[in-house]
Structure formats: structure tokens, C-alpha cells
PDB file of N, CA and C in Angstrom:
ATOM      1  N   PRO A   1      -5.525   6.391  11.399  1.00  0.00           N
ATOM      2  CA  PRO A   1      -6.199   5.122  11.429  1.00  0.00           C
ATOM      3  C   PRO A   1      -7.802   5.372  11.702  1.00  0.00           C
ATOM      4  N   GLU A   2      -7.891   6.382  12.438  1.00  0.00           N
ATOM      5  CA  GLU A   2      -9.307   6.819  12.757  1.00  0.00           C
ATOM      6  C   GLU A   2     -10.229   7.205  11.450  1.00  0.00           C
ATOM      7  N   GLU A   3      -9.544   8.026  10.690  1.00  0.00           N
ATOM      8  CA  GLU A   3     -10.095   8.498   9.445  1.00  0.00           C
ATOM      9  C   GLU A   3     -10.397   7.134   8.484  1.00  0.00           C
ATOM     10  N   ALA A   4      -9.486   6.376   8.520  1.00  0.00           N
ATOM     11  CA  ALA A   4      -9.633   5.033   7.621  1.00  0.00           C
ATOM     12  C   ALA A   4     -10.773   4.141   7.962  1.00  0.00           C
ATOM     13  N   ARG A   5     -11.115   4.009   9.260  1.00  0.00           N
ATOM     14  CA  ARG A   5     -12.096   3.263   9.849  1.00  0.00           C
ATOM     15  C   ARG A   5     -13.277   4.079   9.561  1.00  0.00           C
ATOM     16  N   GLU A   6     -13.405   5.447   9.651  1.00  0.00           N
ATOM     17  CA  GLU A   6     -14.707   6.080   9.236  1.00  0.00           C
ATOM     18  C   GLU A   6     -15.009   5.754   7.665  1.00  0.00           C
ATOM     19  N   ALA A   7     -13.780   5.838   6.842  1.00  0.00           N
ATOM     20  CA  ALA A   7     -14.023   5.645   5.497  1.00  0.00           C
ATOM     21  C   ALA A   7     -14.573   4.173   5.154  1.00  0.00           C
ATOM     22  N   LEU A   8     -14.093   3.254   6.043  1.00  0.00           N
ATOM     23  CA  LEU A   8     -14.509   1.846   5.804  1.00  0.00           C
ATOM     24  C   LEU A   8     -16.005   1.804   6.221  1.00  0.00           C
ATOM     25  N   ALA A   9     -16.372   2.498   7.186  1.00  0.00           N
ATOM     26  CA  ALA A   9     -17.690   2.299   7.584  1.00  0.00           C
ATOM     27  C   ALA A   9     -18.783   2.758   6.538  1.00  0.00           C
ATOM     28  N   ILE A  10     -18.502   3.687   5.559  1.00  0.00           N
ATOM     29  CA  ILE A  10     -19.352   4.170   4.643  1.00  0.00           C
ATOM     30  C   ILE A  10     -19.162   3.502   3.331  1.00  0.00           C
ATOM     31  N   ILE A  11     -18.307   2.570   3.169  1.00  0.00           N
ATOM     32  CA  ILE A  11     -17.973   1.710   1.765  1.00  0.00           C
ATOM     33  C   ILE A  11     -19.554   1.133   1.596  1.00  0.00           C
ATOM     34  N   PRO A  12     -20.076   0.407   2.571  1.00  0.00           N
ATOM     35  CA  PRO A  12     -21.580  -0.080   2.159  1.00  0.00           C
ATOM     36  C   PRO A  12     -22.551   0.871   1.363  1.00  0.00           C
ATOM     37  N   SER A  13     -22.311   2.040   1.646  1.00  0.00           N
ATOM     38  CA  SER A  13     -23.306   3.092   1.013  1.00  0.00           C
ATOM     39  C   SER A  13     -22.903   3.299  -0.805  1.00  0.00           C
ATOM     40  N   PHE A  14     -21.852   2.709  -0.844  1.00  0.00           N
ATOM     41  CA  PHE A  14     -21.361   2.704  -2.407  1.00  0.00           C
ATOM     42  C   PHE A  14     -21.514   1.422  -3.028  1.00  0.00           C
ATOM     43  N   ILE A  15     -22.071   0.466  -2.343  1.00  0.00           N
ATOM     44  CA  ILE A  15     -22.195  -0.909  -3.055  1.00  0.00           C
ATOM     45  C   ILE A  15     -23.633  -0.897  -3.725  1.00  0.00           C
ATOM     46  N   PRO A  16     -23.768  -1.430  -4.838  1.00  0.00           N
ATOM     47  CA  PRO A  16     -22.700  -2.181  -5.573  1.00  0.00           C
ATOM     48  C   PRO A  16     -21.829  -1.228  -6.379  1.00  0.00           C
ATOM     49  N   MET A  17     -20.525  -1.367  -6.617  1.00  0.00           N
ATOM     50  CA  MET A  17     -19.741  -0.456  -7.181  1.00  0.00           C
ATOM     51  C   MET A  17     -19.578  -1.076  -8.772  1.00  0.00           C
ATOM     52  N   PRO A  18     -19.107  -0.190  -9.547  1.00  0.00           N
ATOM     53  CA  PRO A  18     -19.095  -0.915 -10.938  1.00  0.00           C
ATOM     54  C   PRO A  18     -17.923  -1.899 -10.917  1.00  0.00           C
ATOM     55  N   PRO A  19     -18.126  -3.022 -11.709  1.00  0.00           N
ATOM     56  CA  PRO A  19     -17.166  -4.199 -11.613  1.00  0.00           C
ATOM     57  C   PRO A  19     -15.886  -3.541 -12.214  1.00  0.00           C
ATOM     58  N   ASP A  20     -16.046  -2.749 -13.198  1.00  0.00           N
ATOM     59  CA  ASP A  20     -14.653  -2.425 -13.768  1.00  0.00           C
ATOM     60  C   ASP A  20     -13.771  -1.447 -12.904  1.00  0.00           C
ATOM     61  N   ALA A  21     -14.572  -0.682 -12.157  1.00  0.00           N
ATOM     62  CA  ALA A  21     -13.931   0.475 -11.297  1.00  0.00           C
ATOM     63  C   ALA A  21     -13.037  -0.521 -10.146  1.00  0.00           C
ATOM     64  N   ARG A  22     -13.730  -1.605  -9.672  1.00  0.00           N
ATOM     65  CA  ARG A  22     -12.844  -2.492  -8.495  1.00  0.00           C
ATOM     66  C   ARG A  22     -11.864  -3.000  -9.106  1.00  0.00           C
ATOM     67  N   GLN A  23     -11.802  -3.247 -10.413  1.00  0.00           N
ATOM     68  CA  GLN A  23     -10.355  -4.079 -11.066  1.00  0.00           C
ATOM     69  C   GLN A  23      -9.333  -3.273 -11.393  1.00  0.00           C
ATOM     70  N   THR A  24      -9.406  -1.796 -11.310  1.00  0.00           N
ATOM     71  CA  THR A  24      -8.243  -1.053 -11.915  1.00  0.00           C
ATOM     72  C   THR A  24      -7.145  -1.152 -10.558  1.00  0.00           C
ATOM     73  N   PRO A  25      -5.762  -0.860 -11.135  1.00  0.00           N
ATOM     74  CA  PRO A  25      -4.809  -1.107  -9.938  1.00  0.00           C
ATOM     75  C   PRO A  25      -4.942   0.080  -9.113  1.00  0.00           C
ATOM     76  N   ALA A  26      -5.169   1.548  -9.701  1.00  0.00           N
ATOM     77  CA  ALA A  26      -5.459   2.622  -8.866  1.00  0.00           C
ATOM     78  C   ALA A  26      -6.425   2.471  -7.845  1.00  0.00           C
ATOM     79  N   PHE A  27      -7.588   1.913  -8.271  1.00  0.00           N
ATOM     80  CA  PHE A  27      -8.721   1.830  -7.281  1.00  0.00           C
ATOM     81  C   PHE A  27      -8.275   0.817  -6.160  1.00  0.00           C
ATOM     82  N   ALA A  28      -7.794  -0.309  -6.497  1.00  0.00           N
ATOM     83  CA  ALA A  28      -7.297  -1.243  -5.577  1.00  0.00           C
ATOM     84  C   ALA A  28      -6.206  -0.655  -4.804  1.00  0.00           C
ATOM     85  N   ALA A  29      -5.289   0.059  -5.137  1.00  0.00           N
ATOM     86  CA  ALA A  29      -4.231   0.841  -4.279  1.00  0.00           C
ATOM     87  C   ALA A  29      -4.853   1.585  -3.285  1.00  0.00           C
ATOM     88  N   SER A  30      -5.880   2.405  -3.638  1.00  0.00           N
ATOM     89  CA  SER A  30      -6.624   3.404  -2.745  1.00  0.00           C
ATOM     90  C   SER A  30      -7.246   2.745  -1.586  1.00  0.00           C
ATOM     91  N   VAL A  31      -8.155   1.736  -2.035  1.00  0.00           N
ATOM     92  CA  VAL A  31      -8.894   0.733  -1.175  1.00  0.00           C
ATOM     93  C   VAL A  31      -7.905   0.079  -0.161  1.00  0.00           C
ATOM     94  N   GLY A  32      -6.923  -0.566  -0.775  1.00  0.00           N
ATOM     95  CA  GLY A  32      -6.007  -1.211  -0.003  1.00  0.00           C
ATOM     96  C   GLY A  32      -5.232  -0.312   1.055  1.00  0.00           C
ATOM     97  N   LYS A  33      -4.965   0.952   0.714  1.00  0.00           N
ATOM     98  CA  LYS A  33      -4.447   1.892   1.423  1.00  0.00           C
ATOM     99  C   LYS A  33      -5.367   2.223   2.910  1.00  0.00           C
ATOM    100  N   VAL A  34      -6.572   2.279   2.483  1.00  0.00           N
ATOM    101  CA  VAL A  34      -7.487   2.684   3.580  1.00  0.00           C
ATOM    102  C   VAL A  34      -7.681   1.399   4.600  1.00  0.00           C
ATOM    103  N   PHE A  35      -7.582   0.050   4.058  1.00  0.00           N
ATOM    104  CA  PHE A  35      -7.527  -1.191   4.827  1.00  0.00           C
ATOM    105  C   PHE A  35      -6.262  -1.196   5.660  1.00  0.00           C
ATOM    106  N   ALA A  36      -5.240  -0.752   5.167  1.00  0.00           N
ATOM    107  CA  ALA A  36      -3.914  -0.783   5.702  1.00  0.00           C
ATOM    108  C   ALA A  36      -3.881   0.291   6.770  1.00  0.00           C
ATOM    109  N   LEU A  37      -4.251   1.290   6.554  1.00  0.00           N
ATOM    110  CA  LEU A  37      -4.427   2.343   7.468  1.00  0.00           C
ATOM    111  C   LEU A  37      -5.205   2.249   8.636  1.00  0.00           C
ATOM    112  N   ALA A  38      -6.396   1.331   8.515  1.00  0.00           N
ATOM    113  CA  ALA A  38      -7.122   0.994   9.383  1.00  0.00           C
ATOM    114  C   ALA A  38      -6.676  -0.268  10.200  1.00  0.00           C
ATOM    115  N   GLY A  39      -5.534  -0.875   9.689  1.00  0.00           N
ATOM    116  CA  GLY A  39      -5.012  -2.053  10.494  1.00  0.00           C
ATOM    117  C   GLY A  39      -5.546  -3.292  10.330  1.00  0.00           C
ATOM    118  N   ASP A  40      -6.285  -3.430   9.173  1.00  0.00           N
ATOM    119  CA  ASP A  40      -6.974  -4.589   8.837  1.00  0.00           C
ATOM    120  C   ASP A  40      -6.124  -5.280   7.558  1.00  0.00           C
ATOM    121  N   ALA A  41      -5.186  -5.820   8.061  1.00  0.00           N
ATOM    122  CA  ALA A  41      -4.092  -6.418   7.202  1.00  0.00           C
ATOM    123  C   ALA A  41      -4.816  -7.638   6.159  1.00  0.00           C
ATOM    124  N   ASN A  42      -5.830  -8.347   6.941  1.00  0.00           N
ATOM    125  CA  ASN A  42      -6.477  -9.495   6.125  1.00  0.00           C
ATOM    126  C   ASN A  42      -7.077  -8.863   4.920  1.00  0.00           C
ATOM    127  N   GLN A  43      -7.634  -7.653   4.938  1.00  0.00           N
ATOM    128  CA  GLN A  43      -8.318  -7.033   3.706  1.00  0.00           C
ATOM    129  C   GLN A  43      -7.277  -6.361   2.837  1.00  0.00           C
ATOM    130  N   ALA A  44      -6.112  -5.856   3.432  1.00  0.00           N
ATOM    131  CA  ALA A  44      -5.308  -4.908   2.655  1.00  0.00           C
ATOM    132  C   ALA A  44      -4.258  -5.679   1.914  1.00  0.00           C
ATOM    133  N   VAL A  45      -3.810  -6.745   2.471  1.00  0.00           N
ATOM    134  CA  VAL A  45      -2.840  -7.535   1.889  1.00  0.00           C
ATOM    135  C   VAL A  45      -3.274  -8.075   0.303  1.00  0.00           C
ATOM    136  N   PRO A  46      -4.315  -8.775   0.238  1.00  0.00           N
ATOM    137  CA  PRO A  46      -4.544  -9.258  -1.081  1.00  0.00           C
ATOM    138  C   PRO A  46      -4.920  -8.076  -2.090  1.00  0.00           C
ATOM    139  N   ILE A  47      -5.555  -7.049  -1.606  1.00  0.00           N
ATOM    140  CA  ILE A  47      -6.082  -6.056  -2.677  1.00  0.00           C
ATOM    141  C   ILE A  47      -4.786  -5.219  -2.989  1.00  0.00           C
ATOM    142  N   LEU A  48      -3.846  -4.776  -2.038  1.00  0.00           N
ATOM    143  CA  LEU A  48      -2.561  -4.091  -2.296  1.00  0.00           C
ATOM    144  C   LEU A  48      -1.480  -5.076  -3.257  1.00  0.00           C
ATOM    145  N   SER A  49      -1.559  -6.298  -2.801  1.00  0.00           N
ATOM    146  CA  SER A  49      -0.880  -7.225  -3.783  1.00  0.00           C
ATOM    147  C   SER A  49      -1.156  -7.159  -5.089  1.00  0.00           C
ATOM    148  N   ARG A  50      -2.520  -7.284  -5.458  1.00  0.00           N
ATOM    149  CA  ARG A  50      -2.976  -7.108  -6.777  1.00  0.00           C
ATOM    150  C   ARG A  50      -2.417  -5.727  -7.322  1.00  0.00           C
ATOM    151  N   ALA A  51      -2.675  -4.586  -6.418  1.00  0.00           N
ATOM    152  CA  ALA A  51      -2.205  -3.231  -7.244  1.00  0.00           C
ATOM    153  C   ALA A  51      -0.682  -3.108  -7.534  1.00  0.00           C
ATOM    154  N   THR A  52       0.160  -4.066  -6.532  1.00  0.00           N
ATOM    155  CA  THR A  52       1.640  -3.943  -6.781  1.00  0.00           C
ATOM    156  C   THR A  52       2.029  -4.781  -7.960  1.00  0.00           C
ATOM    157  N   ARG A  53       1.277  -5.922  -8.165  1.00  0.00           N
ATOM    158  CA  ARG A  53       1.620  -7.002  -9.254  1.00  0.00           C
ATOM    159  C   ARG A  53       1.254  -6.377 -10.617  1.00  0.00           C
ATOM    160  N   ALA A  54       0.389  -5.256 -10.647  1.00  0.00           N
ATOM    161  CA  ALA A  54      -0.176  -4.763 -12.026  1.00  0.00           C
ATOM    162  C   ALA A  54       0.791  -4.171 -12.818  1.00  0.00           C
ATOM    163  N   CYS A  55       0.668  -4.235 -14.023  1.00  0.00           N
ATOM    164  CA  CYS A  55       1.890  -3.909 -15.025  1.00  0.00           C
ATOM    165  C   CYS A  55       1.373  -2.390 -15.163  1.00  0.00           C
ATOM    166  N   VAL A  56       1.552  -1.349 -14.255  1.00  0.00           N
ATOM    167  CA  VAL A  56       1.414  -0.052 -14.307  1.00  0.00           C
ATOM    168  C   VAL A  56       2.683   0.921 -13.880  1.00  0.00           C
ATOM    169  N   ALA A  57       3.754   0.228 -13.711  1.00  0.00           N
ATOM    170  CA  ALA A  57       4.916   1.027 -13.161  1.00  0.00           C
ATOM    171  C   ALA A  57       5.344   2.071 -13.952  1.00  0.00           C
ATOM    172  N   LEU A  58       5.011   2.098 -15.231  1.00  0.00           N
ATOM    173  CA  LEU A  58       5.401   3.260 -16.269  1.00  0.00           C
ATOM    174  C   LEU A  58       4.175   3.936 -16.351  1.00  0.00           C
ATOM    175  N   SER A  59       3.092   3.578 -16.305  1.00  0.00           N
ATOM    176  CA  SER A  59       1.729   4.425 -16.169  1.00  0.00           C
ATOM    177  C   SER A  59       1.454   5.264 -15.114  1.00  0.00           C
ATOM    178  N   GLU A  60       1.719   4.513 -14.075  1.00  0.00           N
ATOM    179  CA  GLU A  60       1.116   5.212 -12.730  1.00  0.00           C
ATOM    180  C   GLU A  60       2.295   4.626 -11.606  1.00  0.00           C
ATOM    181  N   PRO A  61       3.395   5.185 -11.776  1.00  0.00           N
ATOM    182  CA  PRO A  61       4.741   4.833 -10.960  1.00  0.00           C
ATOM    183  C   PRO A  61       4.462   5.223  -9.461  1.00  0.00           C
ATOM    184  N   GLY A  62       3.840   6.498  -9.212  1.00  0.00           N
ATOM    185  CA  GLY A  62       3.685   6.915  -8.131  1.00  0.00           C
ATOM    186  C   GLY A  62       2.526   6.219  -7.209  1.00  0.00           C
ATOM    187  N   GLU A  63       1.679   5.889  -7.738  1.00  0.00           N
ATOM    188  CA  GLU A  63       0.487   5.208  -7.155  1.00  0.00           C
ATOM    189  C   GLU A  63       1.035   3.776  -6.860  1.00  0.00           C
ATOM    190  N   GLN A  64       1.723   3.167  -7.787  1.00  0.00           N
ATOM    191  CA  GLN A  64       2.092   1.796  -7.655  1.00  0.00           C
ATOM    192  C   GLN A  64       3.291   1.777  -6.349  1.00  0.00           C
ATOM    193  N   THR A  65       3.988   2.672  -6.324  1.00  0.00           N
ATOM    194  CA  THR A  65       5.216   2.917  -5.325  1.00  0.00           C
ATOM    195  C   THR A  65       4.638   2.953  -4.008  1.00  0.00           C
ATOM    196  N   ARG A  66       3.564   3.963  -3.925  1.00  0.00           N
ATOM    197  CA  ARG A  66       3.042   4.043  -2.710  1.00  0.00           C
ATOM    198  C   ARG A  66       2.213   2.840  -2.251  1.00  0.00           C
ATOM    199  N   ALA A  67       1.668   2.071  -3.162  1.00  0.00           N
ATOM    200  CA  ALA A  67       1.026   0.974  -2.885  1.00  0.00           C
ATOM    201  C   ALA A  67       1.888  -0.070  -2.231  1.00  0.00           C
ATOM    202  N   PHE A  68       3.174  -0.241  -2.588  1.00  0.00           N
ATOM    203  CA  PHE A  68       4.152  -0.987  -2.139  1.00  0.00           C
ATOM    204  C   PHE A  68       4.479  -0.663  -0.570  1.00  0.00           C
ATOM    205  N   TYR A  69       4.461   0.650  -0.350  1.00  0.00           N
ATOM    206  CA  TYR A  69       4.634   1.270   1.002  1.00  0.00           C
ATOM    207  C   TYR A  69       3.474   0.562   1.859  1.00  0.00           C
ATOM    208  N   TYR A  70       2.362   0.852   1.423  1.00  0.00           N
ATOM    209  CA  TYR A  70       1.138   0.343   2.365  1.00  0.00           C
ATOM    210  C   TYR A  70       0.970  -1.185   2.374  1.00  0.00           C
ATOM    211  N   LEU A  71       1.488  -1.921   1.351  1.00  0.00           N
ATOM    212  CA  LEU A  71       1.657  -3.235   1.307  1.00  0.00           C
ATOM    213  C   LEU A  71       2.500  -3.721   2.584  1.00  0.00           C
ATOM    214  N   GLY A  72       3.742  -3.038   2.677  1.00  0.00           N
ATOM    215  CA  GLY A  72       4.563  -3.208   3.687  1.00  0.00           C
ATOM    216  C   GLY A  72       4.077  -3.063   5.035  1.00  0.00           C
ATOM    217  N   MET A  73       3.162  -1.984   5.105  1.00  0.00           N
ATOM    218  CA  MET A  73       2.563  -1.829   6.511  1.00  0.00           C
ATOM    219  C   MET A  73       1.601  -2.755   6.795  1.00  0.00           C
ATOM    220  N   ALA A  74       0.775  -3.270   5.838  1.00  0.00           N
ATOM    221  CA  ALA A  74      -0.065  -4.266   6.008  1.00  0.00           C
ATOM    222  C   ALA A  74       0.606  -5.593   6.387  1.00  0.00           C
ATOM    223  N   ARG A  75       1.510  -5.906   5.750  1.00  0.00           N
ATOM    224  CA  ARG A  75       2.163  -7.189   6.039  1.00  0.00           C
ATOM    225  C   ARG A  75       3.003  -7.209   7.312  1.00  0.00           C
ATOM    226  N   GLU A  76       3.415  -5.974   7.807  1.00  0.00           N
ATOM    227  CA  GLU A  76       3.971  -6.020   9.257  1.00  0.00           C
ATOM    228  C   GLU A  76       2.765  -6.235  10.175  1.00  0.00           C
ATOM    229  N   VAL A  77       1.843  -5.675   9.977  1.00  0.00           N
ATOM    230  CA  VAL A  77       0.546  -6.027  10.950  1.00  0.00           C
ATOM    231  C   VAL A  77       0.157  -7.446  10.958  1.00  0.00           C
ATOM    232  N   ALA A  78       0.412  -7.977   9.720  1.00  0.00           N
ATOM    233  CA  ALA A  78       0.020  -9.417   9.687  1.00  0.00           C
ATOM    234  C   ALA A  78       1.178 -10.465  10.046  1.00  0.00           C
ATOM    235  N   GLY A  79       2.265  -9.657  10.508  1.00  0.00           N
ATOM    236  CA  GLY A  79       3.359 -10.731  11.013  1.00  0.00           C
ATOM    237  C   GLY A  79       4.197 -11.222   9.960  1.00  0.00           C
ATOM    238  N   GLU A  80       3.965 -10.754   8.846  1.00  0.00           N
ATOM    239  CA  GLU A  80       4.683 -11.330   7.416  1.00  0.00           C
ATOM    240  C   GLU A  80       5.883 -10.375   7.217  1.00  0.00           C
ATOM    241  N   LEU A  81       6.786 -10.487   8.113  1.00  0.00           N
ATOM    242  CA  LEU A  81       7.922  -9.608   8.108  1.00  0.00           C
ATOM    243  C   LEU A  81       8.904  -9.698   7.000  1.00  0.00           C
ATOM    244  N   GLU A  82       9.093 -10.726   6.263  1.00  0.00           N
ATOM    245  CA  GLU A  82       9.878 -10.871   5.164  1.00  0.00           C
ATOM    246  C   GLU A  82       9.314 -10.111   3.920  1.00  0.00           C
ATOM    247  N   GLY A  83       7.970 -10.271   3.842  1.00  0.00           N
ATOM    248  CA  GLY A  83       7.014  -9.691   2.866  1.00  0.00           C
ATOM    249  C   GLY A  83       6.974  -8.172   3.018  1.00  0.00           C
ATOM    250  N   ALA A  84       6.943  -7.688   4.332  1.00  0.00           N
ATOM    251  CA  ALA A  84       7.105  -6.314   4.662  1.00  0.00           C
ATOM    252  C   ALA A  84       8.362  -5.705   4.223  1.00  0.00           C
ATOM    253  N   ARG A  85       9.502  -6.357   4.491  1.00  0.00           N
ATOM    254  CA  ARG A  85      10.854  -5.917   4.083  1.00  0.00           C
ATOM    255  C   ARG A  85      10.764  -5.809   2.581  1.00  0.00           C
ATOM    256  N   SER A  86      10.384  -6.805   1.799  1.00  0.00           N
ATOM    257  CA  SER A  86      10.594  -6.722   0.265  1.00  0.00           C
ATOM    258  C   SER A  86       9.845  -5.545  -0.136  1.00  0.00           C
ATOM    259  N   ALA A  87       8.495  -5.192   0.450  1.00  0.00           N
ATOM    260  CA  ALA A  87       7.698  -4.141  -0.013  1.00  0.00           C
ATOM    261  C   ALA A  87       8.301  -2.936   0.357  1.00  0.00           C
ATOM    262  N   TYR A  88       8.847  -2.779   1.426  1.00  0.00           N
ATOM    263  CA  TYR A  88       9.420  -1.490   1.605  1.00  0.00           C
ATOM    264  C   TYR A  88      10.717  -1.240   0.898  1.00  0.00           C
ATOM    265  N   GLN A  89      11.585  -2.371   0.722  1.00  0.00           N
ATOM    266  CA  GLN A  89      12.772  -2.299  -0.187  1.00  0.00           C
ATOM    267  C   GLN A  89      12.467  -1.797  -1.625  1.00  0.00           C
ATOM    268  N   VAL A  90      11.229  -1.997  -2.052  1.00  0.00           N
ATOM    269  CA  VAL A  90      10.944  -1.559  -3.682  1.00  0.00           C
ATOM    270  C   VAL A  90      10.548   0.049  -3.338  1.00  0.00           C
ATOM    271  N   VAL A  91      10.108   0.527  -2.532  1.00  0.00           N
ATOM    272  CA  VAL A  91      10.081   1.990  -2.289  1.00  0.00           C
ATOM    273  C   VAL A  91      11.394   2.458  -1.977  1.00  0.00           C
ATOM    274  N   VAL A  92      12.334   2.002  -1.467  1.00  0.00           N
ATOM    275  CA  VAL A  92      13.548   2.572  -1.205  1.00  0.00           C
ATOM    276  C   VAL A  92      14.385   2.587  -2.425  1.00  0.00           C
ATOM    277  N   ASP A  93      14.233   1.446  -3.146  1.00  0.00           N
ATOM    278  CA  ASP A  93      14.993   1.333  -4.473  1.00  0.00           C
ATOM    279  C   ASP A  93      14.428   2.290  -5.534  1.00  0.00           C
ATOM    280  N   ARG A  94      13.103   2.467  -5.406  1.00  0.00           N
ATOM    281  CA  ARG A  94      12.624   3.370  -6.548  1.00  0.00           C
ATOM    282  C   ARG A  94      12.757   4.910  -6.075  1.00  0.00           C
ATOM    283  N   TRP A  95      12.667   5.146  -4.808  1.00  0.00           N
ATOM    284  CA  TRP A  95      12.547   6.593  -4.605  1.00  0.00           C
ATOM    285  C   TRP A  95      13.491   7.076  -3.508  1.00  0.00           C
ATOM    286  N   GLY A  96      14.629   6.064  -3.135  1.00  0.00           N
ATOM    287  CA  GLY A  96      15.413   6.380  -2.056  1.00  0.00           C
ATOM    288  C   GLY A  96      16.406   7.424  -2.368  1.00  0.00           C
ATOM    289  N   GLN A  97      16.697   7.706  -3.280  1.00  0.00           N
ATOM    290  CA  GLN A  97      17.755   8.683  -3.689  1.00  0.00           C
ATOM    291  C   GLN A  97      17.005   9.912  -4.420  1.00  0.00           C
ATOM    292  N   ALA A  98      15.625  10.039  -4.406  1.00  0.00           N
ATOM    293  CA  ALA A  98      14.831  11.126  -4.947  1.00  0.00           C
ATOM    294  C   ALA A  98      15.221  12.546  -4.652  1.00  0.00           C
ATOM    295  N   ILE A  99      15.241  13.505  -5.601  1.00  0.00           N
ATOM    296  CA  ILE A  99      15.474  14.916  -5.328  1.00  0.00           C
ATOM    297  C   ILE A  99      14.342  15.584  -5.883  1.00  0.00           C
ATOM    298  N   PRO A 100      13.649  16.308  -5.105  1.00  0.00           N
ATOM    299  CA  PRO A 100      13.633  16.641  -3.650  1.00  0.00           C
ATOM    300  C   PRO A 100      13.376  15.164  -3.139  1.00  0.00           C
ATOM    301  N   ARG A 101      13.496  15.285  -1.824  1.00  0.00           N
ATOM    302  CA  ARG A 101      13.552  13.948  -1.057  1.00  0.00           C
ATOM    303  C   ARG A 101      12.165  13.282  -1.024  1.00  0.00           C
ATOM    304  N   SER A 102      11.833  12.120  -0.966  1.00  0.00           N
ATOM    305  CA  SER A 102      10.655  11.300  -0.825  1.00  0.00           C
ATOM    306  C   SER A 102      10.268  10.974   0.676  1.00  0.00           C
ATOM    307  N   VAL A 103       9.362  11.530   1.119  1.00  0.00           N
ATOM    308  CA  VAL A 103       9.100  11.137   2.513  1.00  0.00           C
ATOM    309  C   VAL A 103       8.544   9.882   2.698  1.00  0.00           C
ATOM    310  N   THR A 104       7.857   9.483   1.645  1.00  0.00           N
ATOM    311  CA  THR A 104       7.440   7.969   1.751  1.00  0.00           C
ATOM    312  C   THR A 104       8.767   7.061   1.541  1.00  0.00           C
ATOM    313  N   ALA A 105       9.902   7.220   0.945  1.00  0.00           N
ATOM    314  CA  ALA A 105      10.930   6.512   0.908  1.00  0.00           C
ATOM    315  C   ALA A 105      11.592   6.624   2.320  1.00  0.00           C
ATOM    316  N   GLU A 106      11.461   7.737   2.855  1.00  0.00           N
ATOM    317  CA  GLU A 106      12.165   7.818   4.239  1.00  0.00           C
ATOM    318  C   GLU A 106      11.430   7.029   5.223  1.00  0.00           C
ATOM    319  N   LYS A 107      10.218   7.010   5.155  1.00  0.00           N
ATOM    320  CA  LYS A 107       9.407   6.230   5.919  1.00  0.00           C
ATOM    321  C   LYS A 107       9.587   4.686   6.026  1.00  0.00           C
ATOM    322  N   ALA A 108       9.721   4.306   4.484  1.00  0.00           N
ATOM    323  CA  ALA A 108       9.931   3.068   4.102  1.00  0.00           C
ATOM    324  C   ALA A 108      11.344   2.614   4.655  1.00  0.00           C
ATOM    325  N   ARG A 109      12.216   3.438   4.520  1.00  0.00           N
ATOM    326  CA  ARG A 109      13.708   3.068   4.969  1.00  0.00           C
ATOM    327  C   ARG A 109      13.727   2.961   6.479  1.00  0.00           C
ATOM    328  N   ALA A 110      13.059   3.869   7.164  1.00  0.00           N
ATOM    329  CA  ALA A 110      13.001   3.446   8.606  1.00  0.00           C
ATOM    330  C   ALA A 110      12.320   2.306   9.006  1.00  0.00           C
ATOM    331  N   ARG A 111      11.211   1.923   8.349  1.00  0.00           N
ATOM    332  CA  ARG A 111      10.680   0.624   8.749  1.00  0.00           C
ATOM    333  C   ARG A 111      11.429  -0.434   8.303  1.00  0.00           C
ATOM    334  N   LEU A 112      12.196  -0.447   7.334  1.00  0.00           N
ATOM    335  CA  LEU A 112      13.184  -1.502   6.756  1.00  0.00           C
ATOM    336  C   LEU A 112      14.189  -1.747   7.779  1.00  0.00           C
ATOM    337  N   HIS A 113      14.827  -0.557   8.247  1.00  0.00           N
ATOM    338  CA  HIS A 113      15.769  -0.527   9.303  1.00  0.00           C
ATOM    339  C   HIS A 113      15.422  -1.065  10.596  1.00  0.00           C
ATOM    340  N   GLU A 114      14.186  -0.966  10.993  1.00  0.00           N
ATOM    341  CA  GLU A 114      13.564  -1.616  12.257  1.00  0.00           C
ATOM    342  C   GLU A 114      13.338  -3.093  12.198  1.00  0.00           C
ATOM    343  N   LEU A 115      12.879  -3.394  10.877  1.00  0.00           N
ATOM    344  CA  LEU A 115      12.644  -4.712  10.590  1.00  0.00           C
ATOM    345  C   LEU A 115      13.879  -5.632  10.418  1.00  0.00           C
ATOM    346  N   THR A 116      14.984  -5.104  10.248  1.00  0.00           N
ATOM    347  CA  THR A 116      16.376  -5.663  10.059  1.00  0.00           C
ATOM    348  C   THR A 116      17.114  -5.622  11.224  1.00  0.00           C
ATOM    349  N   ARG A 117      16.714  -5.119  12.366  1.00  0.00           N
ATOM    350  CA  ARG A 117      17.561  -5.182  13.459  1.00  0.00           C
ATOM    351  C   ARG A 117      17.562  -6.614  14.167  1.00  0.00           C
TER     352      ARG A 117
END
């Protein structure tokens, strides 16, 4: 969280960013992740929602699946527990049986378990 807050603090030095860069799903996933890690759900949820809705599951499956994990995290912070469960479930569905194991899927499974208790 501290590193994420530090990263957010320097974003203004990169403004203005090229409009096309802000619109890519990978960029949205990265920026949304930083907001989620910093605990800023108000900023993270819309950005990560855009990244997870993008049609990139075949071209950027790892980036998009991780975006679902961070969306779950942000929705949890926002108190949107059903949305958090849905986001975490996507990660578990995609990577839950991965060999070698997926640490992200294990974290998502643990959060899903906590939210369904």
C-alpha cells in the first residue's frame, strides 16, 4: 500500500498522458491495480471494470485475470461484496487448477472463502 501511494503521488508529473495510452486495457489494469493497492476503491473500481470488460481475454489473459483480482480487492474495500465475490470467482475459475499453482488464484480463493462465510 505504501508503494502504491508513492506511485499515485508522482502521477501528476506524467500528465498529460497520451490519450491512446490511457485507453488501453493493459494501462487501465496497471493504473487500477495501483489505486486498489492504495485502498482507493473510488478510483480503482471504474478503471478496473473497464479493463476486465475489454475484449482481451485471448490476447492478454494474464493481465486481464489479474485485473479481476484487483477489482475484487477494490470492490471489497468499497463494500460491494457481491461484486468482489464475482471478480474473485473469475480468477478461481480461470486459474484455480493451474499447474504450476497460481498464487493469485490461491489469494482469490481465500478471499472468496472469507466473503462467503
